[in-house]
Amino acid sequence: MKRWGLPAARDLAAQILADKSAVRCLVRELFDDDVEVRKRAADVARRITEKDARLLEPYAYELAGLLETLPTEESRTRWHLGLVVPRVAHTRMQRLRAARIMSLLAQDESNVVRCSAVEGLGLLAMQEASLRYEAEEMIERFLREGTKAMKSRARHVKTFLFYPALKRCRDGNVR
């Protein structure tokens, strides 16, 4: 059995990106009864949305619902989905729902979940101007009161929220 880690997650994500019919199977695994299966599926979903969030957009509602109901003990799954849900939210209502979830995740006991919350809200604010103030408030709070990881993530989000051209440049989308 292949050991799970970043290379395995990236490899599986690449396979699904190449065979888009496998997306439905991945989503089914996100709802599996086995905690480990859910965690790995969420990891792969995160890698997929880094490349092409549109593949999971049809499941935006279900993924947001899953994130809302996951127990706090599943911090790794919640961390991954805390990035997936904002990336796949493609309507205003989905973005507002995702923002509410990010606000809740920002209060989580897990540091990685809180980090995904600030990044997720930043991503949402880039698409939904009405969320910008809330994102700025969270960023500033994390910069003042957060752990080192939270401060680092907040600085990263602040850069791309206030200077989106830098993000396009980093992603190779310079016009």
N, C-alpha and C. Protein backbone atom coordinates (compact mmCIF):
# COMPACT_ATOMS: atom_id res chain seq x y z
N MET A 1 0.84 -1.19 0.00
CA MET A 1 0.00 0.00 0.00
C MET A 1 0.88 1.24 0.00
N LYS A 2 0.55 2.19 -0.87
CA LYS A 2 1.30 3.42 -0.99
C LYS A 2 1.06 4.31 0.22
N ARG A 3 2.14 4.84 0.79
CA ARG A 3 2.02 5.73 1.94
C ARG A 3 1.37 7.04 1.51
N TRP A 4 0.43 7.54 2.34
CA TRP A 4 -0.27 8.77 2.01
C TRP A 4 0.58 9.97 2.35
N GLY A 5 0.54 10.96 1.53
CA GLY A 5 1.24 12.21 1.75
C GLY A 5 1.02 13.12 0.57
N LEU A 6 1.74 14.22 0.54
CA LEU A 6 1.57 15.21 -0.51
C LEU A 6 1.76 14.62 -1.92
N PRO A 7 2.81 13.81 -2.15
CA PRO A 7 2.96 13.25 -3.51
C PRO A 7 1.76 12.38 -3.92
N ALA A 8 1.24 11.59 -3.00
CA ALA A 8 0.08 10.74 -3.32
C ALA A 8 -1.15 11.60 -3.61
N ALA A 9 -1.37 12.65 -2.81
CA ALA A 9 -2.52 13.53 -3.02
C ALA A 9 -2.42 14.24 -4.37
N ARG A 10 -1.22 14.73 -4.69
CA ARG A 10 -1.03 15.41 -5.98
C ARG A 10 -1.20 14.45 -7.14
N ASP A 11 -0.70 13.24 -6.99
CA ASP A 11 -0.81 12.24 -8.05
C ASP A 11 -2.28 11.89 -8.32
N LEU A 12 -3.01 11.65 -7.26
CA LEU A 12 -4.43 11.32 -7.42
C LEU A 12 -5.21 12.51 -7.99
N ALA A 13 -4.89 13.71 -7.56
CA ALA A 13 -5.54 14.90 -8.11
C ALA A 13 -5.26 15.02 -9.60
N ALA A 14 -4.02 14.76 -10.00
CA ALA A 14 -3.67 14.82 -11.43
C ALA A 14 -4.44 13.78 -12.23
N GLN A 15 -4.62 12.60 -11.66
CA GLN A 15 -5.40 11.55 -12.34
C GLN A 15 -6.85 11.99 -12.53
N ILE A 16 -7.42 12.59 -11.51
CA ILE A 16 -8.81 13.04 -11.59
C ILE A 16 -8.94 14.22 -12.55
N LEU A 17 -7.96 15.11 -12.55
CA LEU A 17 -7.98 16.22 -13.49
C LEU A 17 -7.91 15.73 -14.93
N ALA A 18 -7.22 14.60 -15.13
CA ALA A 18 -7.10 14.02 -16.47
C ALA A 18 -8.36 13.22 -16.85
N ASP A 19 -9.05 12.69 -15.87
CA ASP A 19 -10.27 11.90 -16.11
C ASP A 19 -11.40 12.49 -15.27
N LYS A 20 -12.01 13.50 -15.81
CA LYS A 20 -13.00 14.28 -15.05
C LYS A 20 -14.21 13.47 -14.60
N SER A 21 -14.42 12.31 -15.20
CA SER A 21 -15.54 11.46 -14.77
C SER A 21 -15.31 10.90 -13.37
N ALA A 22 -14.08 10.96 -12.88
CA ALA A 22 -13.75 10.44 -11.54
C ALA A 22 -14.14 11.41 -10.42
N VAL A 23 -14.54 12.62 -10.76
CA VAL A 23 -14.89 13.63 -9.74
C VAL A 23 -16.04 13.12 -8.87
N ARG A 24 -17.03 12.54 -9.48
CA ARG A 24 -18.19 12.04 -8.72
C ARG A 24 -17.76 11.02 -7.67
N CYS A 25 -16.84 10.15 -8.03
CA CYS A 25 -16.32 9.15 -7.08
C CYS A 25 -15.60 9.85 -5.92
N LEU A 26 -14.81 10.86 -6.23
CA LEU A 26 -14.11 11.61 -5.18
C LEU A 26 -15.11 12.24 -4.22
N VAL A 27 -16.15 12.84 -4.74
CA VAL A 27 -17.15 13.48 -3.88
C VAL A 27 -17.82 12.43 -3.00
N ARG A 28 -18.08 11.27 -3.54
CA ARG A 28 -18.68 10.18 -2.75
C ARG A 28 -17.75 9.81 -1.59
N GLU A 29 -16.45 9.80 -1.85
CA GLU A 29 -15.47 9.47 -0.80
C GLU A 29 -15.44 10.54 0.30
N LEU A 30 -15.75 11.77 -0.05
CA LEU A 30 -15.79 12.84 0.96
C LEU A 30 -16.88 12.59 2.00
N PHE A 31 -17.89 11.83 1.63
CA PHE A 31 -19.01 11.53 2.53
C PHE A 31 -18.92 10.11 3.10
N ASP A 32 -17.78 9.46 2.92
CA ASP A 32 -17.59 8.09 3.42
C ASP A 32 -17.67 8.06 4.95
N ASP A 33 -18.02 6.91 5.49
CA ASP A 33 -18.08 6.74 6.94
C ASP A 33 -16.70 6.71 7.59
N ASP A 34 -15.69 6.34 6.83
CA ASP A 34 -14.32 6.21 7.34
C ASP A 34 -13.66 7.60 7.38
N VAL A 35 -13.24 8.02 8.56
CA VAL A 35 -12.63 9.33 8.78
C VAL A 35 -11.39 9.50 7.91
N GLU A 36 -10.57 8.47 7.82
CA GLU A 36 -9.33 8.54 7.05
C GLU A 36 -9.62 8.71 5.56
N VAL A 37 -10.62 8.03 5.06
CA VAL A 37 -11.01 8.16 3.65
C VAL A 37 -11.46 9.59 3.38
N ARG A 38 -12.27 10.14 4.28
CA ARG A 38 -12.74 11.53 4.13
C ARG A 38 -11.57 12.51 4.11
N LYS A 39 -10.63 12.29 5.01
CA LYS A 39 -9.48 13.20 5.11
C LYS A 39 -8.66 13.17 3.82
N ARG A 40 -8.41 11.99 3.31
CA ARG A 40 -7.63 11.87 2.07
C ARG A 40 -8.39 12.44 0.88
N ALA A 41 -9.68 12.19 0.82
CA ALA A 41 -10.49 12.73 -0.27
C ALA A 41 -10.49 14.26 -0.22
N ALA A 42 -10.57 14.84 0.98
CA ALA A 42 -10.55 16.29 1.13
C ALA A 42 -9.19 16.85 0.69
N ASP A 43 -8.13 16.14 1.00
CA ASP A 43 -6.79 16.53 0.58
C ASP A 43 -6.72 16.58 -0.95
N VAL A 44 -7.23 15.55 -1.60
CA VAL A 44 -7.23 15.50 -3.07
C VAL A 44 -8.12 16.60 -3.64
N ALA A 45 -9.27 16.82 -3.05
CA ALA A 45 -10.17 17.89 -3.52
C ALA A 45 -9.48 19.24 -3.42
N ARG A 46 -8.74 19.45 -2.37
CA ARG A 46 -8.00 20.71 -2.21
C ARG A 46 -7.00 20.87 -3.35
N ARG A 47 -6.27 19.79 -3.68
CA ARG A 47 -5.27 19.85 -4.76
C ARG A 47 -5.95 20.12 -6.11
N ILE A 48 -7.11 19.53 -6.31
CA ILE A 48 -7.84 19.74 -7.56
C ILE A 48 -8.27 21.20 -7.68
N THR A 49 -8.81 21.76 -6.59
CA THR A 49 -9.29 23.15 -6.66
C THR A 49 -8.15 24.14 -6.79
N GLU A 50 -6.95 23.75 -6.45
CA GLU A 50 -5.79 24.63 -6.69
C GLU A 50 -5.56 24.79 -8.19
N LYS A 51 -5.92 23.77 -8.96
CA LYS A 51 -5.72 23.78 -10.41
C LYS A 51 -6.97 24.19 -11.18
N ASP A 52 -8.13 23.65 -10.78
CA ASP A 52 -9.38 23.89 -11.52
C ASP A 52 -10.59 23.68 -10.62
N ALA A 53 -10.99 24.73 -9.93
CA ALA A 53 -12.11 24.64 -8.99
C ALA A 53 -13.42 24.33 -9.68
N ARG A 54 -13.52 24.63 -10.98
CA ARG A 54 -14.78 24.41 -11.70
C ARG A 54 -15.23 22.95 -11.66
N LEU A 55 -14.29 22.03 -11.55
CA LEU A 55 -14.66 20.61 -11.51
C LEU A 55 -15.57 20.27 -10.33
N LEU A 56 -15.37 20.96 -9.22
CA LEU A 56 -16.16 20.68 -8.02
C LEU A 56 -17.28 21.69 -7.79
N GLU A 57 -17.40 22.68 -8.65
CA GLU A 57 -18.48 23.67 -8.50
C GLU A 57 -19.88 23.05 -8.44
N PRO A 58 -20.16 22.01 -9.22
CA PRO A 58 -21.51 21.43 -9.13
C PRO A 58 -21.85 20.87 -7.75
N TYR A 59 -20.84 20.66 -6.91
CA TYR A 59 -21.03 20.09 -5.58
C TYR A 59 -20.86 21.13 -4.47
N ALA A 60 -20.85 22.41 -4.83
CA ALA A 60 -20.59 23.47 -3.86
C ALA A 60 -21.54 23.41 -2.66
N TYR A 61 -22.81 23.22 -2.92
CA TYR A 61 -23.80 23.18 -1.84
C TYR A 61 -23.52 22.01 -0.90
N GLU A 62 -23.30 20.83 -1.46
CA GLU A 62 -23.05 19.63 -0.65
C GLU A 62 -21.76 19.74 0.15
N LEU A 63 -20.72 20.31 -0.47
CA LEU A 63 -19.44 20.43 0.24
C LEU A 63 -19.53 21.43 1.39
N ALA A 64 -20.27 22.51 1.19
CA ALA A 64 -20.47 23.46 2.28
C ALA A 64 -21.23 22.79 3.43
N GLY A 65 -22.25 22.03 3.09
CA GLY A 65 -23.01 21.31 4.12
C GLY A 65 -22.14 20.32 4.88
N LEU A 66 -21.28 19.62 4.16
CA LEU A 66 -20.37 18.68 4.81
C LEU A 66 -19.45 19.41 5.78
N LEU A 67 -18.86 20.50 5.33
CA LEU A 67 -17.95 21.26 6.19
C LEU A 67 -18.66 21.76 7.45
N GLU A 68 -19.91 22.17 7.30
CA GLU A 68 -20.67 22.66 8.46
C GLU A 68 -20.91 21.55 9.49
N THR A 69 -20.98 20.31 9.05
CA THR A 69 -21.36 19.23 9.95
C THR A 69 -20.21 18.36 10.44
N LEU A 70 -19.01 18.56 9.91
CA LEU A 70 -17.89 17.73 10.35
C LEU A 70 -17.55 18.01 11.81
N PRO A 71 -17.27 16.96 12.57
CA PRO A 71 -16.90 17.18 13.98
C PRO A 71 -15.53 17.85 14.11
N THR A 72 -15.34 18.57 15.18
CA THR A 72 -14.08 19.30 15.38
C THR A 72 -12.87 18.39 15.40
N GLU A 73 -13.06 17.11 15.75
CA GLU A 73 -11.93 16.18 15.79
C GLU A 73 -11.34 15.95 14.40
N GLU A 74 -12.10 16.22 13.37
CA GLU A 74 -11.62 16.01 12.01
C GLU A 74 -10.98 17.29 11.46
N SER A 75 -10.00 17.79 12.20
CA SER A 75 -9.41 19.08 11.86
C SER A 75 -8.72 19.07 10.50
N ARG A 76 -8.07 17.99 10.13
CA ARG A 76 -7.39 17.94 8.82
C ARG A 76 -8.40 18.00 7.68
N THR A 77 -9.48 17.28 7.81
CA THR A 77 -10.53 17.31 6.79
C THR A 77 -11.14 18.70 6.72
N ARG A 78 -11.39 19.29 7.86
CA ARG A 78 -11.97 20.64 7.93
C ARG A 78 -11.01 21.67 7.35
N TRP A 79 -9.72 21.48 7.57
CA TRP A 79 -8.71 22.38 7.02
C TRP A 79 -8.76 22.36 5.50
N HIS A 80 -8.72 21.15 4.92
CA HIS A 80 -8.75 21.04 3.46
C HIS A 80 -10.05 21.61 2.90
N LEU A 81 -11.18 21.23 3.49
CA LEU A 81 -12.47 21.72 2.98
C LEU A 81 -12.65 23.22 3.22
N GLY A 82 -11.95 23.75 4.23
CA GLY A 82 -11.98 25.18 4.47
C GLY A 82 -11.36 25.97 3.32
N LEU A 83 -10.59 25.31 2.49
CA LEU A 83 -10.05 25.94 1.28
C LEU A 83 -10.87 25.56 0.05
N VAL A 84 -11.39 24.35 0.04
CA VAL A 84 -12.18 23.88 -1.10
C VAL A 84 -13.49 24.66 -1.22
N VAL A 85 -14.22 24.79 -0.13
CA VAL A 85 -15.55 25.41 -0.17
C VAL A 85 -15.50 26.84 -0.73
N PRO A 86 -14.59 27.70 -0.28
CA PRO A 86 -14.54 29.04 -0.88
C PRO A 86 -14.16 29.02 -2.37
N ARG A 87 -13.31 28.10 -2.76
CA ARG A 87 -12.89 28.03 -4.16
C ARG A 87 -14.02 27.59 -5.09
N VAL A 88 -14.93 26.75 -4.60
CA VAL A 88 -15.99 26.24 -5.47
C VAL A 88 -17.28 27.05 -5.38
N ALA A 89 -17.36 27.96 -4.43
CA ALA A 89 -18.55 28.81 -4.29
C ALA A 89 -18.60 29.76 -5.48
N HIS A 90 -19.58 29.57 -6.36
CA HIS A 90 -19.60 30.35 -7.59
C HIS A 90 -20.85 31.23 -7.75
N THR A 91 -21.74 31.20 -6.78
CA THR A 91 -22.86 32.13 -6.79
C THR A 91 -22.74 33.02 -5.56
N ARG A 92 -23.44 34.13 -5.58
CA ARG A 92 -23.39 35.04 -4.44
C ARG A 92 -23.86 34.34 -3.16
N MET A 93 -24.96 33.61 -3.26
CA MET A 93 -25.49 32.91 -2.07
C MET A 93 -24.48 31.88 -1.55
N GLN A 94 -23.81 31.17 -2.43
CA GLN A 94 -22.80 30.21 -2.00
C GLN A 94 -21.62 30.92 -1.34
N ARG A 95 -21.21 32.04 -1.90
CA ARG A 95 -20.10 32.78 -1.30
C ARG A 95 -20.47 33.32 0.08
N LEU A 96 -21.70 33.82 0.24
CA LEU A 96 -22.12 34.32 1.55
C LEU A 96 -22.23 33.19 2.57
N ARG A 97 -22.73 32.04 2.15
CA ARG A 97 -22.78 30.88 3.04
C ARG A 97 -21.37 30.45 3.43
N ALA A 98 -20.48 30.39 2.45
CA ALA A 98 -19.10 30.01 2.73
C ALA A 98 -18.44 31.00 3.68
N ALA A 99 -18.76 32.28 3.54
CA ALA A 99 -18.19 33.30 4.44
C ALA A 99 -18.65 33.07 5.87
N ARG A 100 -19.92 32.71 6.04
CA ARG A 100 -20.42 32.40 7.40
C ARG A 100 -19.65 31.22 7.98
N ILE A 101 -19.40 30.22 7.15
CA ILE A 101 -18.65 29.04 7.62
C ILE A 101 -17.23 29.45 7.99
N MET A 102 -16.60 30.31 7.17
CA MET A 102 -15.23 30.75 7.46
C MET A 102 -15.18 31.50 8.79
N SER A 103 -16.21 32.29 9.06
CA SER A 103 -16.26 33.02 10.35
C SER A 103 -16.30 32.05 11.52
N LEU A 104 -17.03 30.96 11.36
CA LEU A 104 -17.08 29.94 12.42
C LEU A 104 -15.74 29.21 12.53
N LEU A 105 -15.14 28.89 11.40
CA LEU A 105 -13.85 28.20 11.42
C LEU A 105 -12.76 29.06 12.04
N ALA A 106 -12.89 30.36 11.93
CA ALA A 106 -11.89 31.27 12.52
C ALA A 106 -11.86 31.16 14.03
N GLN A 107 -12.91 30.60 14.63
CA GLN A 107 -12.97 30.42 16.08
C GLN A 107 -12.58 29.00 16.50
N ASP A 108 -12.19 28.17 15.55
CA ASP A 108 -11.92 26.76 15.81
C ASP A 108 -10.72 26.59 16.75
N GLU A 109 -10.67 25.47 17.44
CA GLU A 109 -9.54 25.19 18.33
C GLU A 109 -8.28 24.82 17.56
N SER A 110 -8.44 24.36 16.32
CA SER A 110 -7.30 23.93 15.51
C SER A 110 -6.67 25.11 14.77
N ASN A 111 -5.37 25.24 14.90
CA ASN A 111 -4.64 26.31 14.24
C ASN A 111 -4.76 26.21 12.72
N VAL A 112 -4.62 25.00 12.15
CA VAL A 112 -4.69 24.86 10.69
C VAL A 112 -6.08 25.20 10.17
N VAL A 113 -7.10 24.90 10.94
CA VAL A 113 -8.46 25.24 10.52
C VAL A 113 -8.64 26.77 10.53
N ARG A 114 -8.12 27.42 11.55
CA ARG A 114 -8.20 28.89 11.60
C ARG A 114 -7.44 29.51 10.43
N CYS A 115 -6.29 28.92 10.09
CA CYS A 115 -5.52 29.43 8.94
C CYS A 115 -6.30 29.29 7.64
N SER A 116 -7.01 28.17 7.48
CA SER A 116 -7.81 28.01 6.26
C SER A 116 -8.97 29.00 6.25
N ALA A 117 -9.47 29.37 7.41
CA ALA A 117 -10.58 30.32 7.48
C ALA A 117 -10.19 31.69 6.94
N VAL A 118 -9.03 32.18 7.33
CA VAL A 118 -8.61 33.50 6.86
C VAL A 118 -8.30 33.46 5.37
N GLU A 119 -7.69 32.39 4.92
CA GLU A 119 -7.41 32.28 3.48
C GLU A 119 -8.72 32.14 2.70
N GLY A 120 -9.61 31.31 3.21
CA GLY A 120 -10.89 31.10 2.55
C GLY A 120 -11.69 32.39 2.45
N LEU A 121 -11.75 33.16 3.53
CA LEU A 121 -12.50 34.41 3.50
C LEU A 121 -11.83 35.41 2.55
N GLY A 122 -10.52 35.40 2.51
CA GLY A 122 -9.81 36.26 1.56
C GLY A 122 -10.15 35.91 0.12
N LEU A 123 -10.19 34.62 -0.18
CA LEU A 123 -10.58 34.18 -1.53
C LEU A 123 -11.99 34.64 -1.86
N LEU A 124 -12.88 34.49 -0.91
CA LEU A 124 -14.27 34.90 -1.12
C LEU A 124 -14.38 36.41 -1.34
N ALA A 125 -13.63 37.18 -0.57
CA ALA A 125 -13.68 38.64 -0.68
C ALA A 125 -13.15 39.12 -2.03
N MET A 126 -12.27 38.36 -2.63
CA MET A 126 -11.79 38.73 -3.96
C MET A 126 -12.89 38.59 -5.01
N GLN A 127 -13.87 37.74 -4.74
CA GLN A 127 -14.98 37.52 -5.67
C GLN A 127 -16.25 38.28 -5.27
N GLU A 128 -16.35 38.59 -4.00
CA GLU A 128 -17.58 39.20 -3.46
C GLU A 128 -17.19 40.43 -2.65
N ALA A 129 -17.32 41.60 -3.28
CA ALA A 129 -16.87 42.86 -2.67
C ALA A 129 -17.50 43.11 -1.30
N SER A 130 -18.72 42.65 -1.09
CA SER A 130 -19.39 42.89 0.19
C SER A 130 -18.71 42.17 1.35
N LEU A 131 -17.81 41.25 1.06
CA LEU A 131 -17.11 40.51 2.12
C LEU A 131 -15.73 41.10 2.45
N ARG A 132 -15.34 42.10 1.71
CA ARG A 132 -14.00 42.65 1.87
C ARG A 132 -13.75 43.18 3.29
N TYR A 133 -14.71 43.93 3.84
CA TYR A 133 -14.52 44.49 5.18
C TYR A 133 -14.34 43.37 6.21
N GLU A 134 -15.20 42.34 6.12
CA GLU A 134 -15.10 41.21 7.05
C GLU A 134 -13.75 40.52 6.92
N ALA A 135 -13.28 40.36 5.68
CA ALA A 135 -11.98 39.73 5.47
C ALA A 135 -10.86 40.58 6.05
N GLU A 136 -10.93 41.88 5.82
CA GLU A 136 -9.91 42.79 6.37
C GLU A 136 -9.88 42.73 7.89
N GLU A 137 -11.06 42.69 8.51
CA GLU A 137 -11.14 42.60 9.97
C GLU A 137 -10.50 41.31 10.48
N MET A 138 -10.80 40.19 9.81
CA MET A 138 -10.22 38.91 10.23
C MET A 138 -8.71 38.93 10.05
N ILE A 139 -8.25 39.45 8.94
CA ILE A 139 -6.81 39.53 8.69
C ILE A 139 -6.13 40.34 9.79
N GLU A 140 -6.66 41.50 10.08
CA GLU A 140 -6.05 42.36 11.11
C GLU A 140 -6.08 41.70 12.48
N ARG A 141 -7.18 41.02 12.81
CA ARG A 141 -7.26 40.31 14.09
C ARG A 141 -6.21 39.21 14.16
N PHE A 142 -6.06 38.45 13.08
CA PHE A 142 -5.06 37.38 13.06
C PHE A 142 -3.65 37.96 13.16
N LEU A 143 -3.41 39.10 12.52
CA LEU A 143 -2.09 39.73 12.60
C LEU A 143 -1.78 40.20 14.01
N ARG A 144 -2.80 40.66 14.74
CA ARG A 144 -2.62 41.12 16.12
C ARG A 144 -2.52 39.98 17.12
N GLU A 145 -3.42 38.99 17.00
CA GLU A 145 -3.62 38.01 18.06
C GLU A 145 -3.28 36.58 17.68
N GLY A 146 -2.93 36.33 16.44
CA GLY A 146 -2.78 34.96 15.98
C GLY A 146 -1.46 34.30 16.34
N THR A 147 -1.41 33.01 16.11
CA THR A 147 -0.16 32.27 16.23
C THR A 147 0.75 32.67 15.07
N LYS A 148 1.98 32.19 15.07
CA LYS A 148 2.90 32.51 13.98
C LYS A 148 2.32 32.06 12.64
N ALA A 149 1.74 30.87 12.62
CA ALA A 149 1.15 30.36 11.37
C ALA A 149 -0.03 31.23 10.92
N MET A 150 -0.85 31.64 11.86
CA MET A 150 -2.00 32.48 11.53
C MET A 150 -1.54 33.84 11.00
N LYS A 151 -0.52 34.41 11.62
CA LYS A 151 0.01 35.70 11.17
C LYS A 151 0.60 35.57 9.77
N SER A 152 1.31 34.49 9.53
CA SER A 152 1.89 34.26 8.21
C SER A 152 0.80 34.14 7.14
N ARG A 153 -0.23 33.36 7.43
CA ARG A 153 -1.33 33.17 6.48
C ARG A 153 -2.07 34.48 6.28
N ALA A 154 -2.27 35.25 7.33
CA ALA A 154 -2.95 36.54 7.22
C ALA A 154 -2.15 37.51 6.35
N ARG A 155 -0.82 37.53 6.52
CA ARG A 155 0.02 38.40 5.69
C ARG A 155 -0.09 38.00 4.22
N HIS A 156 -0.08 36.69 3.97
CA HIS A 156 -0.21 36.17 2.61
C HIS A 156 -1.54 36.61 1.99
N VAL A 157 -2.61 36.43 2.72
CA VAL A 157 -3.94 36.79 2.23
C VAL A 157 -4.04 38.30 2.02
N LYS A 158 -3.50 39.06 2.94
CA LYS A 158 -3.55 40.52 2.84
C LYS A 158 -2.86 40.98 1.55
N THR A 159 -1.74 40.38 1.24
CA THR A 159 -1.02 40.73 0.03
C THR A 159 -1.88 40.51 -1.20
N PHE A 160 -2.53 39.35 -1.29
CA PHE A 160 -3.31 39.06 -2.48
C PHE A 160 -4.68 39.72 -2.48
N LEU A 161 -5.19 40.07 -1.33
CA LEU A 161 -6.47 40.77 -1.27
C LEU A 161 -6.28 42.23 -1.69
N PHE A 162 -5.19 42.84 -1.22
CA PHE A 162 -4.95 44.24 -1.52
C PHE A 162 -4.19 44.46 -2.82
N TYR A 163 -3.45 43.44 -3.25
CA TYR A 163 -2.66 43.55 -4.47
C TYR A 163 -2.91 42.34 -5.37
N PRO A 164 -4.14 42.22 -5.92
CA PRO A 164 -4.48 41.03 -6.72
C PRO A 164 -3.59 40.84 -7.94
N ALA A 165 -2.98 41.91 -8.44
CA ALA A 165 -2.08 41.76 -9.59
C ALA A 165 -0.89 40.87 -9.23
N LEU A 166 -0.46 40.91 -7.97
CA LEU A 166 0.64 40.04 -7.55
C LEU A 166 0.24 38.57 -7.64
N LYS A 167 -1.01 38.26 -7.29
CA LYS A 167 -1.48 36.89 -7.38
C LYS A 167 -1.51 36.44 -8.83
N ARG A 168 -2.01 37.29 -9.72
CA ARG A 168 -2.05 36.93 -11.14
C ARG A 168 -0.64 36.71 -11.66
N CYS A 169 0.28 37.56 -11.23
CA CYS A 169 1.68 37.43 -11.66
C CYS A 169 2.27 36.12 -11.18
N ARG A 170 2.03 35.78 -9.90
CA ARG A 170 2.55 34.54 -9.33
C ARG A 170 1.97 33.34 -10.03
N ASP A 171 0.68 33.43 -10.40
CA ASP A 171 0.01 32.31 -11.06
C ASP A 171 0.31 32.25 -12.56
N GLY A 172 1.06 33.22 -13.07
CA GLY A 172 1.39 33.22 -14.48
C GLY A 172 0.31 33.78 -15.38
N ASN A 173 -0.62 34.54 -14.80
CA ASN A 173 -1.74 35.11 -15.57
C ASN A 173 -1.55 36.60 -15.83
N VAL A 174 -0.35 37.03 -16.11
CA VAL A 174 -0.07 38.43 -16.32
C VAL A 174 -0.57 38.84 -17.71
N ARG A 175 -1.27 39.95 -17.78
CA ARG A 175 -1.75 40.46 -19.08
C ARG A 175 -1.07 41.75 -19.41
